[in-house]
């Protein structure tokens, strides 16, 4: 058994349980695809209570809040593309099941 396997298995089991909740939508990018819309790095999209759209970006050289509507729109389109490239909400639990060995 490789180090960390138990912890990884527990994490996958927890994700599998969460995927069954009606308020949770998990989607995974297949590892077979080497190119995807998120290659420029991670970001977080936010909407304030007064419906202002923002983004938060972190990188090796720092982090920043993005409020420029054009820039936030680009990231929202990137997020939409990532969702189209990911496994569906119905297919993603099957991936977890395969990784867990059909448990």
N, C-alpha and C. Protein backbone atom coordinates (compact mmCIF):
# COMPACT_ATOMS: atom_id res chain seq x y z
N UNK A 1 0.84 -1.17 0.00
CA UNK A 1 0.00 0.00 0.00
C UNK A 1 0.89 1.24 0.00
N UNK A 2 0.57 2.23 -0.83
CA UNK A 2 1.37 3.44 -0.92
C UNK A 2 0.97 4.41 0.18
N UNK A 3 1.93 5.25 0.62
CA UNK A 3 1.66 6.20 1.71
C UNK A 3 0.52 7.14 1.34
N UNK A 4 -0.32 7.42 2.31
CA UNK A 4 -1.41 8.35 2.10
C UNK A 4 -2.65 7.74 1.47
N UNK A 5 -2.60 6.44 1.15
CA UNK A 5 -3.73 5.80 0.47
C UNK A 5 -4.98 5.84 1.34
N UNK A 6 -4.86 5.59 2.62
CA UNK A 6 -6.02 5.59 3.50
C UNK A 6 -6.66 6.97 3.53
N UNK A 7 -5.83 8.01 3.65
CA UNK A 7 -6.35 9.38 3.68
C UNK A 7 -7.02 9.72 2.35
N UNK A 8 -6.40 9.33 1.24
CA UNK A 8 -6.97 9.61 -0.07
C UNK A 8 -8.30 8.88 -0.24
N UNK A 9 -8.36 7.62 0.19
CA UNK A 9 -9.60 6.86 0.09
C UNK A 9 -10.70 7.52 0.91
N UNK A 10 -10.38 7.98 2.09
CA UNK A 10 -11.38 8.65 2.93
C UNK A 10 -11.86 9.94 2.26
N UNK A 11 -10.95 10.67 1.65
CA UNK A 11 -11.34 11.90 0.96
C UNK A 11 -12.26 11.59 -0.21
N UNK A 12 -11.93 10.55 -0.98
CA UNK A 12 -12.78 10.16 -2.11
C UNK A 12 -14.15 9.70 -1.62
N UNK A 13 -14.19 8.95 -0.52
CA UNK A 13 -15.46 8.50 0.05
C UNK A 13 -16.30 9.69 0.49
N UNK A 14 -15.67 10.68 1.09
CA UNK A 14 -16.39 11.86 1.53
C UNK A 14 -16.94 12.63 0.32
N UNK A 15 -16.15 12.76 -0.72
CA UNK A 15 -16.63 13.42 -1.94
C UNK A 15 -17.81 12.66 -2.53
N UNK A 16 -17.74 11.32 -2.50
CA UNK A 16 -18.84 10.50 -3.04
C UNK A 16 -20.12 10.74 -2.26
N UNK A 17 -20.00 10.82 -0.93
CA UNK A 17 -21.18 11.10 -0.10
C UNK A 17 -21.74 12.49 -0.39
N UNK A 18 -20.86 13.48 -0.51
CA UNK A 18 -21.31 14.84 -0.80
C UNK A 18 -21.98 14.93 -2.17
N UNK A 19 -21.51 14.15 -3.14
CA UNK A 19 -22.07 14.19 -4.49
C UNK A 19 -23.53 13.77 -4.51
N UNK A 20 -23.98 13.05 -3.48
CA UNK A 20 -25.37 12.60 -3.42
C UNK A 20 -26.32 13.67 -2.89
N UNK A 21 -25.77 14.73 -2.30
CA UNK A 21 -26.62 15.79 -1.76
C UNK A 21 -27.25 16.59 -2.90
N UNK A 22 -28.53 16.94 -2.76
CA UNK A 22 -29.19 17.66 -3.85
C UNK A 22 -28.65 19.08 -4.07
N UNK A 23 -28.00 19.65 -3.07
CA UNK A 23 -27.49 21.03 -3.20
C UNK A 23 -26.03 21.07 -3.63
N UNK A 24 -25.45 19.92 -3.97
CA UNK A 24 -24.04 19.85 -4.35
C UNK A 24 -23.92 19.35 -5.79
N UNK A 25 -23.08 20.01 -6.54
CA UNK A 25 -22.80 19.59 -7.91
C UNK A 25 -21.30 19.45 -8.07
N UNK A 26 -20.82 18.22 -8.15
CA UNK A 26 -19.39 17.96 -8.36
C UNK A 26 -19.17 17.56 -9.81
N UNK A 27 -18.20 18.19 -10.43
CA UNK A 27 -17.80 17.83 -11.79
C UNK A 27 -16.28 17.75 -11.82
N UNK A 28 -15.77 16.76 -12.52
CA UNK A 28 -14.33 16.55 -12.60
C UNK A 28 -13.86 16.66 -14.04
N UNK A 29 -12.70 17.29 -14.21
CA UNK A 29 -12.08 17.32 -15.53
C UNK A 29 -11.36 16.00 -15.76
N UNK A 30 -11.60 15.34 -16.89
CA UNK A 30 -10.90 14.08 -17.17
C UNK A 30 -9.40 14.32 -17.31
N UNK A 31 -8.62 13.42 -16.78
CA UNK A 31 -7.16 13.54 -16.88
C UNK A 31 -6.66 13.29 -18.30
N UNK A 32 -7.47 12.62 -19.11
CA UNK A 32 -7.05 12.31 -20.48
C UNK A 32 -6.89 13.58 -21.31
N UNK A 33 -7.68 14.60 -21.01
CA UNK A 33 -7.58 15.85 -21.75
C UNK A 33 -6.44 16.69 -21.21
N UNK A 34 -5.43 16.93 -22.01
CA UNK A 34 -4.27 17.67 -21.54
C UNK A 34 -4.48 19.19 -21.63
N UNK A 35 -5.44 19.61 -22.45
CA UNK A 35 -5.70 21.03 -22.63
C UNK A 35 -7.12 21.32 -22.13
N UNK A 36 -7.23 22.35 -21.30
CA UNK A 36 -8.55 22.77 -20.83
C UNK A 36 -8.54 24.26 -20.55
N UNK A 37 -9.70 24.81 -20.34
CA UNK A 37 -9.85 26.26 -20.21
C UNK A 37 -9.21 26.83 -18.95
N UNK A 38 -8.86 26.00 -17.99
CA UNK A 38 -8.31 26.50 -16.74
C UNK A 38 -6.80 26.51 -16.65
N UNK A 39 -6.13 26.35 -17.76
CA UNK A 39 -4.67 26.26 -17.72
C UNK A 39 -3.98 27.54 -17.26
N UNK A 40 -4.68 28.67 -17.34
CA UNK A 40 -4.06 29.92 -16.90
C UNK A 40 -4.06 30.07 -15.38
N UNK A 41 -4.67 29.12 -14.68
CA UNK A 41 -4.62 29.14 -13.22
C UNK A 41 -5.98 29.28 -12.57
N UNK A 42 -5.98 29.12 -11.25
CA UNK A 42 -7.24 29.13 -10.52
C UNK A 42 -7.82 30.53 -10.33
N UNK A 43 -9.12 30.58 -10.15
CA UNK A 43 -9.80 31.83 -9.85
C UNK A 43 -11.11 31.51 -9.13
N UNK A 44 -11.64 32.49 -8.46
CA UNK A 44 -12.91 32.35 -7.75
C UNK A 44 -13.83 33.45 -8.25
N UNK A 45 -15.05 33.07 -8.61
CA UNK A 45 -16.06 34.04 -9.01
C UNK A 45 -16.99 34.27 -7.83
N UNK A 46 -17.33 35.53 -7.59
CA UNK A 46 -18.19 35.88 -6.47
C UNK A 46 -19.28 36.84 -6.92
N UNK A 47 -20.39 36.80 -6.20
CA UNK A 47 -21.45 37.78 -6.39
C UNK A 47 -21.83 38.30 -5.01
N UNK A 48 -21.82 39.61 -4.85
CA UNK A 48 -22.13 40.23 -3.56
C UNK A 48 -23.66 40.25 -3.37
N UNK A 49 -24.09 40.51 -2.14
CA UNK A 49 -25.54 40.59 -1.89
C UNK A 49 -26.25 41.62 -2.76
N UNK A 50 -25.51 42.67 -3.18
CA UNK A 50 -26.13 43.67 -4.06
C UNK A 50 -25.85 43.37 -5.55
N UNK A 51 -25.50 42.12 -5.85
CA UNK A 51 -25.34 41.59 -7.21
C UNK A 51 -24.16 42.15 -7.99
N UNK A 52 -23.14 42.61 -7.29
CA UNK A 52 -21.90 42.99 -7.97
C UNK A 52 -21.09 41.72 -8.22
N UNK A 53 -20.56 41.58 -9.42
CA UNK A 53 -19.77 40.40 -9.78
C UNK A 53 -18.29 40.74 -9.67
N UNK A 54 -17.56 39.86 -8.96
CA UNK A 54 -16.13 40.04 -8.72
C UNK A 54 -15.41 38.73 -8.99
N UNK A 55 -14.11 38.81 -9.09
CA UNK A 55 -13.28 37.61 -9.18
C UNK A 55 -12.08 37.79 -8.26
N UNK A 56 -11.56 36.66 -7.79
CA UNK A 56 -10.37 36.66 -6.95
C UNK A 56 -9.39 35.70 -7.61
N UNK A 57 -8.16 36.17 -7.80
CA UNK A 57 -7.13 35.39 -8.50
C UNK A 57 -5.90 35.30 -7.61
N UNK A 58 -5.34 34.10 -7.50
CA UNK A 58 -4.10 33.89 -6.75
C UNK A 58 -3.06 33.29 -7.67
N UNK A 59 -1.84 33.72 -7.49
CA UNK A 59 -0.73 33.16 -8.25
C UNK A 59 0.51 33.11 -7.39
N UNK A 60 1.61 32.68 -7.96
CA UNK A 60 2.85 32.59 -7.20
C UNK A 60 3.36 33.94 -6.76
N UNK A 61 2.99 34.97 -7.48
CA UNK A 61 3.52 36.30 -7.18
C UNK A 61 2.52 37.19 -6.45
N UNK A 62 1.41 36.61 -5.99
CA UNK A 62 0.46 37.41 -5.23
C UNK A 62 -0.98 37.09 -5.60
N UNK A 63 -1.87 37.92 -5.07
CA UNK A 63 -3.28 37.73 -5.33
C UNK A 63 -3.93 39.08 -5.60
N UNK A 64 -5.11 39.03 -6.21
CA UNK A 64 -5.79 40.30 -6.49
C UNK A 64 -7.28 40.07 -6.64
N UNK A 65 -8.03 41.12 -6.29
CA UNK A 65 -9.46 41.18 -6.54
C UNK A 65 -9.65 41.81 -7.91
N UNK A 66 -10.57 41.29 -8.69
CA UNK A 66 -10.87 41.83 -10.00
C UNK A 66 -12.31 42.32 -9.99
N UNK A 67 -12.50 43.60 -10.27
CA UNK A 67 -13.85 44.15 -10.31
C UNK A 67 -14.23 44.67 -11.69
N UNK A 68 -13.26 44.80 -12.59
CA UNK A 68 -13.53 45.27 -13.95
C UNK A 68 -14.51 44.29 -14.63
N UNK A 69 -15.65 44.81 -15.06
CA UNK A 69 -16.71 43.96 -15.61
C UNK A 69 -16.24 43.12 -16.80
N UNK A 70 -15.41 43.69 -17.66
CA UNK A 70 -14.90 42.94 -18.82
C UNK A 70 -14.02 41.76 -18.38
N UNK A 71 -13.16 42.00 -17.41
CA UNK A 71 -12.27 40.93 -16.92
C UNK A 71 -13.07 39.84 -16.20
N UNK A 72 -14.03 40.25 -15.38
CA UNK A 72 -14.86 39.26 -14.68
C UNK A 72 -15.65 38.45 -15.70
N UNK A 73 -16.12 39.09 -16.74
CA UNK A 73 -16.86 38.39 -17.80
C UNK A 73 -15.99 37.34 -18.49
N UNK A 74 -14.74 37.66 -18.73
CA UNK A 74 -13.81 36.69 -19.34
C UNK A 74 -13.68 35.47 -18.44
N UNK A 75 -13.54 35.69 -17.13
CA UNK A 75 -13.40 34.57 -16.20
C UNK A 75 -14.70 33.78 -16.09
N UNK A 76 -15.83 34.44 -16.17
CA UNK A 76 -17.11 33.74 -16.14
C UNK A 76 -17.25 32.84 -17.38
N UNK A 77 -16.79 33.32 -18.52
CA UNK A 77 -16.82 32.50 -19.74
C UNK A 77 -15.84 31.33 -19.63
N UNK A 78 -14.70 31.57 -18.99
CA UNK A 78 -13.74 30.49 -18.77
C UNK A 78 -14.36 29.41 -17.88
N UNK A 79 -15.04 29.84 -16.82
CA UNK A 79 -15.73 28.89 -15.93
C UNK A 79 -16.78 28.09 -16.71
N UNK A 80 -17.54 28.76 -17.55
CA UNK A 80 -18.55 28.07 -18.36
C UNK A 80 -17.90 27.03 -19.27
N UNK A 81 -16.76 27.39 -19.86
CA UNK A 81 -16.06 26.44 -20.72
C UNK A 81 -15.54 25.24 -19.92
N UNK A 82 -15.02 25.50 -18.72
CA UNK A 82 -14.56 24.40 -17.87
C UNK A 82 -15.70 23.43 -17.57
N UNK A 83 -16.89 23.97 -17.32
CA UNK A 83 -18.04 23.11 -17.02
C UNK A 83 -18.41 22.26 -18.23
N UNK A 84 -18.24 22.80 -19.45
CA UNK A 84 -18.55 21.99 -20.63
C UNK A 84 -17.49 20.93 -20.87
N UNK A 85 -16.26 21.16 -20.43
CA UNK A 85 -15.17 20.21 -20.62
C UNK A 85 -15.15 19.13 -19.53
N UNK A 86 -15.81 19.38 -18.42
CA UNK A 86 -15.81 18.44 -17.29
C UNK A 86 -16.85 17.35 -17.50
N UNK A 87 -16.67 16.27 -16.75
CA UNK A 87 -17.70 15.24 -16.71
C UNK A 87 -18.99 15.85 -16.17
N UNK A 88 -20.12 15.32 -16.56
CA UNK A 88 -21.40 15.84 -16.08
C UNK A 88 -21.59 15.51 -14.60
N UNK A 89 -22.58 16.16 -14.00
CA UNK A 89 -22.92 15.88 -12.61
C UNK A 89 -23.34 14.42 -12.45
N UNK A 90 -23.92 13.84 -13.48
CA UNK A 90 -24.33 12.43 -13.42
C UNK A 90 -23.17 11.47 -13.62
N UNK A 91 -22.16 11.87 -14.41
CA UNK A 91 -21.01 10.99 -14.68
C UNK A 91 -19.93 11.07 -13.61
N UNK A 92 -19.82 12.20 -12.93
CA UNK A 92 -18.74 12.39 -11.95
C UNK A 92 -18.79 11.40 -10.79
N UNK A 93 -19.96 11.08 -10.22
CA UNK A 93 -19.97 10.06 -9.15
C UNK A 93 -19.46 8.70 -9.64
N UNK A 94 -19.70 8.39 -10.91
CA UNK A 94 -19.19 7.13 -11.46
C UNK A 94 -17.67 7.10 -11.46
N UNK A 95 -17.04 8.23 -11.72
CA UNK A 95 -15.58 8.31 -11.65
C UNK A 95 -15.12 8.03 -10.22
N UNK A 96 -15.79 8.65 -9.25
CA UNK A 96 -15.44 8.39 -7.85
C UNK A 96 -15.60 6.92 -7.51
N UNK A 97 -16.68 6.30 -7.99
CA UNK A 97 -16.89 4.87 -7.74
C UNK A 97 -15.75 4.03 -8.32
N UNK A 98 -15.32 4.37 -9.54
CA UNK A 98 -14.20 3.63 -10.17
C UNK A 98 -12.92 3.81 -9.37
N UNK A 99 -12.65 5.05 -8.91
CA UNK A 99 -11.45 5.30 -8.14
C UNK A 99 -11.48 4.57 -6.79
N UNK A 100 -12.68 4.38 -6.27
CA UNK A 100 -12.83 3.67 -5.00
C UNK A 100 -12.91 2.16 -5.19
N UNK A 101 -12.77 1.71 -6.43
CA UNK A 101 -12.77 0.27 -6.69
C UNK A 101 -14.16 -0.35 -6.60
N UNK A 102 -15.18 0.43 -6.90
CA UNK A 102 -16.54 -0.11 -6.90
C UNK A 102 -17.11 -0.31 -5.50
N UNK A 103 -16.55 0.37 -4.51
CA UNK A 103 -17.03 0.21 -3.13
C UNK A 103 -18.45 0.72 -3.00
